[in-house]
Amino acid sequence: MKRTLISNGNPLEAVVGFSRAVRVGPYISVGGTAPVGPDGKTVGTGDPAAQARQCLEIIRMALEDAGASLEDVVRTRVLLTDIENWEAVIKVRAEYFADIRPVDTIMEVSRFVNPEWLVEFEVDAVVATER
C-alpha cells in the first residue's frame, strides 16, 4: 500500500523524524497535536477550551491534506495535564464530533514538552472510499 506523509511545516519533523499524519491505504493516523499557531507560539495560554479548538483545527487541516475529513475519524485520544479540564475540552470535542461519534480515550499526563500546553489530541481515521 502507498504510504503518504503529511507535514504541517514544523521544522522539528525532519530533525526528530515524525509527520503530522501518515496515511497508508485508507488508514490515517494523526499524532499528538498541540495547540500551536502558525507563528509557532501556543494558542490559548491558560485556556483549555481554546487550546482544544486549535488542536482540532490543526487535525482537520491534516486530515484534509491526507484526502480525508473529520467525518472519517474513528478514534480520538485526549491528553490533559490536568484531568479537571476534561469537561471544557470535551465540550469543544463535541462541537467537532457529536454527530460522528468516534470512540474516545481521555487521559491525564504529567506534562508536555511545552509547559504552556494543557491538551493534545490524537486521532485515527479510515477513509471508506478514495476522494
N, C-alpha and C. Protein backbone atom coordinates (compact mmCIF):
# COMPACT_ATOMS: atom_id res chain seq x y z
N MET A 1 0.83 -1.18 0.00
CA MET A 1 0.00 0.00 0.00
C MET A 1 0.87 1.24 0.00
N LYS A 2 0.36 2.26 -0.61
CA LYS A 2 1.07 3.54 -0.67
C LYS A 2 1.10 4.19 0.72
N ARG A 3 2.24 4.78 1.06
CA ARG A 3 2.43 5.48 2.33
C ARG A 3 2.61 6.96 2.02
N THR A 4 1.76 7.81 2.59
CA THR A 4 1.82 9.25 2.37
C THR A 4 2.08 9.95 3.69
N LEU A 5 3.13 10.77 3.71
CA LEU A 5 3.47 11.54 4.91
C LEU A 5 2.88 12.94 4.78
N ILE A 6 2.20 13.39 5.82
CA ILE A 6 1.57 14.71 5.83
C ILE A 6 2.35 15.60 6.79
N SER A 7 2.81 16.73 6.29
CA SER A 7 3.58 17.68 7.09
C SER A 7 2.76 18.95 7.30
N ASN A 8 2.98 19.60 8.45
CA ASN A 8 2.39 20.93 8.61
C ASN A 8 3.48 21.99 8.68
N GLY A 9 4.68 21.61 8.26
CA GLY A 9 5.77 22.58 8.19
C GLY A 9 6.57 22.74 9.46
N ASN A 10 6.31 21.94 10.47
CA ASN A 10 7.07 22.02 11.71
C ASN A 10 8.52 21.65 11.41
N PRO A 11 9.48 22.55 11.70
CA PRO A 11 10.87 22.25 11.38
C PRO A 11 11.43 21.05 12.14
N LEU A 12 10.80 20.67 13.26
CA LEU A 12 11.28 19.52 14.01
C LEU A 12 10.93 18.19 13.36
N GLU A 13 10.02 18.21 12.38
CA GLU A 13 9.64 16.96 11.72
C GLU A 13 10.87 16.24 11.16
N ALA A 14 11.71 16.97 10.44
CA ALA A 14 12.89 16.36 9.84
C ALA A 14 13.95 16.03 10.89
N VAL A 15 14.07 16.87 11.91
CA VAL A 15 15.09 16.66 12.95
C VAL A 15 14.77 15.43 13.78
N VAL A 16 13.50 15.33 14.22
CA VAL A 16 13.09 14.25 15.12
C VAL A 16 12.67 13.01 14.33
N GLY A 17 12.17 13.21 13.12
CA GLY A 17 11.72 12.09 12.30
C GLY A 17 10.27 11.74 12.54
N PHE A 18 9.38 12.72 12.45
CA PHE A 18 7.96 12.46 12.61
C PHE A 18 7.17 13.22 11.55
N SER A 19 5.93 12.84 11.39
CA SER A 19 4.99 13.51 10.49
C SER A 19 3.77 13.92 11.28
N ARG A 20 3.08 14.97 10.85
CA ARG A 20 1.82 15.36 11.49
C ARG A 20 0.83 14.22 11.36
N ALA A 21 0.81 13.62 10.16
CA ALA A 21 -0.09 12.49 9.92
C ALA A 21 0.57 11.55 8.91
N VAL A 22 0.13 10.31 8.94
CA VAL A 22 0.58 9.31 7.97
C VAL A 22 -0.65 8.58 7.45
N ARG A 23 -0.72 8.47 6.13
CA ARG A 23 -1.81 7.70 5.51
C ARG A 23 -1.21 6.48 4.82
N VAL A 24 -1.76 5.32 5.13
CA VAL A 24 -1.40 4.08 4.46
C VAL A 24 -2.72 3.47 4.00
N GLY A 25 -2.91 3.45 2.68
CA GLY A 25 -4.19 2.99 2.16
C GLY A 25 -5.30 3.86 2.71
N PRO A 26 -6.34 3.25 3.27
CA PRO A 26 -7.46 4.04 3.80
C PRO A 26 -7.25 4.51 5.24
N TYR A 27 -6.13 4.13 5.85
CA TYR A 27 -5.90 4.41 7.28
C TYR A 27 -5.04 5.65 7.46
N ILE A 28 -5.49 6.53 8.35
CA ILE A 28 -4.75 7.76 8.65
C ILE A 28 -4.61 7.89 10.15
N SER A 29 -3.37 8.14 10.59
CA SER A 29 -3.12 8.42 11.99
C SER A 29 -2.55 9.83 12.09
N VAL A 30 -3.12 10.61 13.00
CA VAL A 30 -2.63 11.95 13.26
C VAL A 30 -2.03 11.93 14.66
N GLY A 31 -0.75 12.25 14.76
CA GLY A 31 -0.03 12.18 16.02
C GLY A 31 -0.41 13.28 16.99
N GLY A 32 0.19 13.21 18.16
CA GLY A 32 -0.07 14.20 19.21
C GLY A 32 -0.02 15.61 18.68
N THR A 33 -1.15 16.28 18.73
CA THR A 33 -1.30 17.60 18.14
C THR A 33 -1.48 18.62 19.24
N ALA A 34 -0.54 19.53 19.32
CA ALA A 34 -0.51 20.55 20.37
C ALA A 34 -1.14 21.85 19.88
N PRO A 35 -1.51 22.72 20.81
CA PRO A 35 -2.19 23.98 20.46
C PRO A 35 -1.21 25.07 20.02
N VAL A 36 -0.62 24.87 18.85
CA VAL A 36 0.40 25.78 18.34
C VAL A 36 -0.14 26.51 17.12
N GLY A 37 0.07 27.82 17.08
CA GLY A 37 -0.35 28.62 15.95
C GLY A 37 0.69 28.62 14.85
N PRO A 38 0.35 29.23 13.72
CA PRO A 38 1.28 29.29 12.58
C PRO A 38 2.60 29.98 12.91
N ASP A 39 2.58 30.83 13.93
CA ASP A 39 3.79 31.53 14.34
C ASP A 39 4.66 30.70 15.29
N GLY A 40 4.21 29.47 15.60
CA GLY A 40 4.96 28.60 16.49
C GLY A 40 4.70 28.83 17.97
N LYS A 41 3.82 29.79 18.27
CA LYS A 41 3.52 30.10 19.66
C LYS A 41 2.25 29.37 20.11
N THR A 42 2.15 29.15 21.42
CA THR A 42 0.99 28.48 21.99
C THR A 42 -0.26 29.35 21.81
N VAL A 43 -1.33 28.74 21.37
CA VAL A 43 -2.62 29.41 21.24
C VAL A 43 -3.42 29.13 22.50
N GLY A 44 -4.05 30.16 23.06
CA GLY A 44 -4.95 29.97 24.20
C GLY A 44 -4.25 29.64 25.50
N THR A 45 -3.14 30.28 25.76
CA THR A 45 -2.41 30.01 27.00
C THR A 45 -3.35 30.13 28.20
N GLY A 46 -3.41 29.07 29.01
CA GLY A 46 -4.25 29.06 30.19
C GLY A 46 -5.71 28.72 29.94
N ASP A 47 -6.10 28.50 28.69
CA ASP A 47 -7.50 28.25 28.32
C ASP A 47 -7.62 26.89 27.63
N PRO A 48 -8.01 25.85 28.38
CA PRO A 48 -8.04 24.51 27.78
C PRO A 48 -9.01 24.40 26.60
N ALA A 49 -10.12 25.12 26.62
CA ALA A 49 -11.07 25.05 25.50
C ALA A 49 -10.47 25.65 24.23
N ALA A 50 -9.83 26.80 24.35
CA ALA A 50 -9.19 27.42 23.18
C ALA A 50 -8.07 26.54 22.65
N GLN A 51 -7.33 25.92 23.54
CA GLN A 51 -6.27 25.03 23.11
C GLN A 51 -6.83 23.80 22.40
N ALA A 52 -7.92 23.25 22.92
CA ALA A 52 -8.55 22.09 22.28
C ALA A 52 -9.01 22.45 20.87
N ARG A 53 -9.61 23.62 20.72
CA ARG A 53 -10.09 24.06 19.41
C ARG A 53 -8.92 24.18 18.42
N GLN A 54 -7.81 24.73 18.87
CA GLN A 54 -6.64 24.86 17.99
C GLN A 54 -6.12 23.48 17.58
N CYS A 55 -6.03 22.57 18.52
CA CYS A 55 -5.60 21.21 18.20
C CYS A 55 -6.50 20.59 17.14
N LEU A 56 -7.79 20.71 17.32
CA LEU A 56 -8.73 20.08 16.39
C LEU A 56 -8.72 20.76 15.02
N GLU A 57 -8.45 22.04 14.96
CA GLU A 57 -8.33 22.70 13.66
C GLU A 57 -7.08 22.23 12.92
N ILE A 58 -5.99 22.05 13.64
CA ILE A 58 -4.77 21.52 13.03
C ILE A 58 -5.05 20.11 12.50
N ILE A 59 -5.75 19.31 13.28
CA ILE A 59 -6.09 17.95 12.87
C ILE A 59 -7.00 17.97 11.65
N ARG A 60 -7.99 18.85 11.64
CA ARG A 60 -8.89 18.97 10.49
C ARG A 60 -8.09 19.24 9.22
N MET A 61 -7.14 20.17 9.30
CA MET A 61 -6.32 20.51 8.13
C MET A 61 -5.43 19.34 7.71
N ALA A 62 -4.86 18.63 8.67
CA ALA A 62 -4.02 17.47 8.34
C ALA A 62 -4.84 16.39 7.65
N LEU A 63 -6.05 16.15 8.14
CA LEU A 63 -6.91 15.15 7.51
C LEU A 63 -7.26 15.57 6.08
N GLU A 64 -7.57 16.83 5.89
CA GLU A 64 -7.87 17.31 4.54
C GLU A 64 -6.66 17.14 3.62
N ASP A 65 -5.46 17.44 4.13
CA ASP A 65 -4.24 17.23 3.34
C ASP A 65 -4.04 15.77 2.98
N ALA A 66 -4.57 14.88 3.81
CA ALA A 66 -4.45 13.43 3.57
C ALA A 66 -5.61 12.89 2.74
N GLY A 67 -6.52 13.77 2.30
CA GLY A 67 -7.65 13.33 1.50
C GLY A 67 -8.81 12.81 2.31
N ALA A 68 -8.93 13.26 3.54
CA ALA A 68 -9.99 12.80 4.44
C ALA A 68 -10.67 14.01 5.08
N SER A 69 -11.55 13.72 6.03
CA SER A 69 -12.23 14.79 6.76
C SER A 69 -12.50 14.30 8.18
N LEU A 70 -13.01 15.17 8.99
CA LEU A 70 -13.37 14.79 10.36
C LEU A 70 -14.39 13.66 10.37
N GLU A 71 -15.22 13.57 9.35
CA GLU A 71 -16.23 12.51 9.28
C GLU A 71 -15.61 11.12 9.19
N ASP A 72 -14.33 11.04 8.82
CA ASP A 72 -13.64 9.76 8.69
C ASP A 72 -12.98 9.32 10.00
N VAL A 73 -13.02 10.15 11.03
CA VAL A 73 -12.35 9.84 12.29
C VAL A 73 -13.08 8.71 13.01
N VAL A 74 -12.32 7.71 13.44
CA VAL A 74 -12.90 6.58 14.18
C VAL A 74 -12.44 6.53 15.63
N ARG A 75 -11.37 7.26 15.98
CA ARG A 75 -10.86 7.28 17.35
C ARG A 75 -10.23 8.63 17.64
N THR A 76 -10.51 9.15 18.84
CA THR A 76 -9.80 10.32 19.35
C THR A 76 -9.16 9.95 20.68
N ARG A 77 -8.04 10.59 20.94
CA ARG A 77 -7.37 10.49 22.23
C ARG A 77 -7.13 11.90 22.72
N VAL A 78 -7.54 12.15 23.95
CA VAL A 78 -7.38 13.47 24.57
C VAL A 78 -6.39 13.31 25.71
N LEU A 79 -5.31 14.05 25.64
CA LEU A 79 -4.30 14.01 26.69
C LEU A 79 -4.32 15.36 27.41
N LEU A 80 -4.49 15.32 28.71
CA LEU A 80 -4.61 16.53 29.53
C LEU A 80 -3.54 16.55 30.62
N THR A 81 -3.00 17.72 30.91
CA THR A 81 -2.07 17.82 32.03
C THR A 81 -2.81 17.95 33.36
N ASP A 82 -4.09 18.29 33.29
CA ASP A 82 -4.94 18.38 34.48
C ASP A 82 -6.30 17.78 34.12
N ILE A 83 -6.61 16.63 34.65
CA ILE A 83 -7.86 15.93 34.31
C ILE A 83 -9.09 16.76 34.63
N GLU A 84 -8.95 17.74 35.53
CA GLU A 84 -10.08 18.62 35.86
C GLU A 84 -10.52 19.46 34.66
N ASN A 85 -9.71 19.57 33.64
CA ASN A 85 -10.06 20.33 32.43
C ASN A 85 -10.87 19.50 31.44
N TRP A 86 -11.19 18.26 31.79
CA TRP A 86 -11.82 17.37 30.82
C TRP A 86 -13.14 17.91 30.29
N GLU A 87 -13.98 18.51 31.14
CA GLU A 87 -15.29 18.96 30.67
C GLU A 87 -15.17 20.09 29.65
N ALA A 88 -14.31 21.06 29.90
CA ALA A 88 -14.13 22.17 28.96
C ALA A 88 -13.62 21.66 27.61
N VAL A 89 -12.71 20.71 27.66
CA VAL A 89 -12.13 20.16 26.43
C VAL A 89 -13.13 19.28 25.69
N ILE A 90 -13.88 18.48 26.41
CA ILE A 90 -14.84 17.59 25.77
C ILE A 90 -16.00 18.36 25.14
N LYS A 91 -16.36 19.49 25.72
CA LYS A 91 -17.39 20.33 25.08
C LYS A 91 -16.93 20.79 23.70
N VAL A 92 -15.66 21.14 23.59
CA VAL A 92 -15.11 21.54 22.29
C VAL A 92 -15.06 20.32 21.36
N ARG A 93 -14.61 19.19 21.89
CA ARG A 93 -14.59 17.97 21.08
C ARG A 93 -15.97 17.68 20.50
N ALA A 94 -17.00 17.88 21.31
CA ALA A 94 -18.37 17.63 20.86
C ALA A 94 -18.77 18.54 19.69
N GLU A 95 -18.25 19.75 19.65
CA GLU A 95 -18.54 20.65 18.51
C GLU A 95 -18.10 20.02 17.19
N TYR A 96 -17.06 19.23 17.24
CA TYR A 96 -16.50 18.61 16.03
C TYR A 96 -17.03 17.20 15.79
N PHE A 97 -17.37 16.47 16.86
CA PHE A 97 -17.62 15.03 16.71
C PHE A 97 -18.96 14.54 17.25
N ALA A 98 -19.84 15.41 17.69
CA ALA A 98 -21.10 14.95 18.31
C ALA A 98 -21.89 14.03 17.38
N ASP A 99 -21.92 14.34 16.09
CA ASP A 99 -22.67 13.51 15.15
C ASP A 99 -21.85 12.36 14.59
N ILE A 100 -20.53 12.48 14.61
CA ILE A 100 -19.64 11.46 14.06
C ILE A 100 -19.45 10.33 15.05
N ARG A 101 -19.33 10.67 16.31
CA ARG A 101 -19.25 9.75 17.45
C ARG A 101 -18.13 8.71 17.36
N PRO A 102 -16.87 9.16 17.15
CA PRO A 102 -15.77 8.19 17.21
C PRO A 102 -15.55 7.72 18.65
N VAL A 103 -14.87 6.61 18.80
CA VAL A 103 -14.51 6.16 20.14
C VAL A 103 -13.51 7.17 20.71
N ASP A 104 -13.37 7.17 22.04
CA ASP A 104 -12.57 8.22 22.67
C ASP A 104 -11.85 7.67 23.89
N THR A 105 -10.68 8.20 24.12
CA THR A 105 -9.94 7.95 25.35
C THR A 105 -9.51 9.30 25.90
N ILE A 106 -9.70 9.50 27.19
CA ILE A 106 -9.26 10.73 27.87
C ILE A 106 -8.29 10.30 28.96
N MET A 107 -7.12 10.94 28.97
CA MET A 107 -6.14 10.56 29.99
C MET A 107 -5.36 11.78 30.46
N GLU A 108 -4.87 11.66 31.69
CA GLU A 108 -4.02 12.71 32.22
C GLU A 108 -2.57 12.28 32.06
N VAL A 109 -1.75 13.25 31.64
CA VAL A 109 -0.31 13.03 31.53
C VAL A 109 0.39 14.01 32.47
N SER A 110 1.62 13.74 32.82
CA SER A 110 2.29 14.61 33.78
C SER A 110 2.69 15.95 33.17
N ARG A 111 3.06 15.96 31.88
CA ARG A 111 3.40 17.22 31.23
C ARG A 111 3.67 16.99 29.75
N PHE A 112 3.75 18.09 29.02
CA PHE A 112 4.15 18.08 27.62
C PHE A 112 5.49 18.78 27.51
N VAL A 113 6.10 18.76 26.33
CA VAL A 113 7.40 19.41 26.17
C VAL A 113 7.33 20.92 26.38
N ASN A 114 6.18 21.52 26.12
CA ASN A 114 5.97 22.94 26.39
C ASN A 114 5.02 23.04 27.57
N PRO A 115 5.43 23.65 28.68
CA PRO A 115 4.57 23.72 29.86
C PRO A 115 3.31 24.56 29.67
N GLU A 116 3.23 25.35 28.59
CA GLU A 116 2.01 26.12 28.32
C GLU A 116 0.88 25.24 27.78
N TRP A 117 1.22 24.09 27.24
CA TRP A 117 0.22 23.22 26.63
C TRP A 117 -0.55 22.49 27.72
N LEU A 118 -1.86 22.60 27.66
CA LEU A 118 -2.75 21.93 28.61
C LEU A 118 -3.36 20.67 28.01
N VAL A 119 -3.35 20.57 26.68
CA VAL A 119 -4.03 19.47 26.00
C VAL A 119 -3.33 19.15 24.68
N GLU A 120 -3.35 17.90 24.32
CA GLU A 120 -3.00 17.44 22.99
C GLU A 120 -4.07 16.45 22.56
N PHE A 121 -4.28 16.34 21.26
CA PHE A 121 -5.20 15.38 20.68
C PHE A 121 -4.45 14.48 19.71
N GLU A 122 -4.90 13.24 19.59
CA GLU A 122 -4.50 12.32 18.53
C GLU A 122 -5.78 11.78 17.91
N VAL A 123 -5.76 11.48 16.63
CA VAL A 123 -6.92 10.83 16.02
C VAL A 123 -6.46 9.78 15.02
N ASP A 124 -7.34 8.82 14.81
CA ASP A 124 -7.20 7.83 13.75
C ASP A 124 -8.44 7.91 12.87
N ALA A 125 -8.22 7.79 11.59
CA ALA A 125 -9.33 7.87 10.63
C ALA A 125 -9.22 6.74 9.62
N VAL A 126 -10.35 6.39 9.06
CA VAL A 126 -10.41 5.39 7.98
C VAL A 126 -11.28 5.99 6.89
N VAL A 127 -10.71 6.06 5.69
CA VAL A 127 -11.44 6.60 4.54
C VAL A 127 -12.05 5.41 3.80
N ALA A 128 -13.37 5.39 3.75
CA ALA A 128 -14.07 4.25 3.15
C ALA A 128 -13.87 4.19 1.64
N THR A 129 -13.79 5.35 1.00
CA THR A 129 -13.59 5.40 -0.45
C THR A 129 -12.59 6.50 -0.77
N GLU A 130 -11.90 6.34 -1.90
CA GLU A 130 -10.96 7.36 -2.32
C GLU A 130 -11.71 8.63 -2.68
N ARG A 131 -11.08 9.77 -2.36
CA ARG A 131 -11.68 11.06 -2.70
C ARG A 131 -10.85 11.76 -3.72
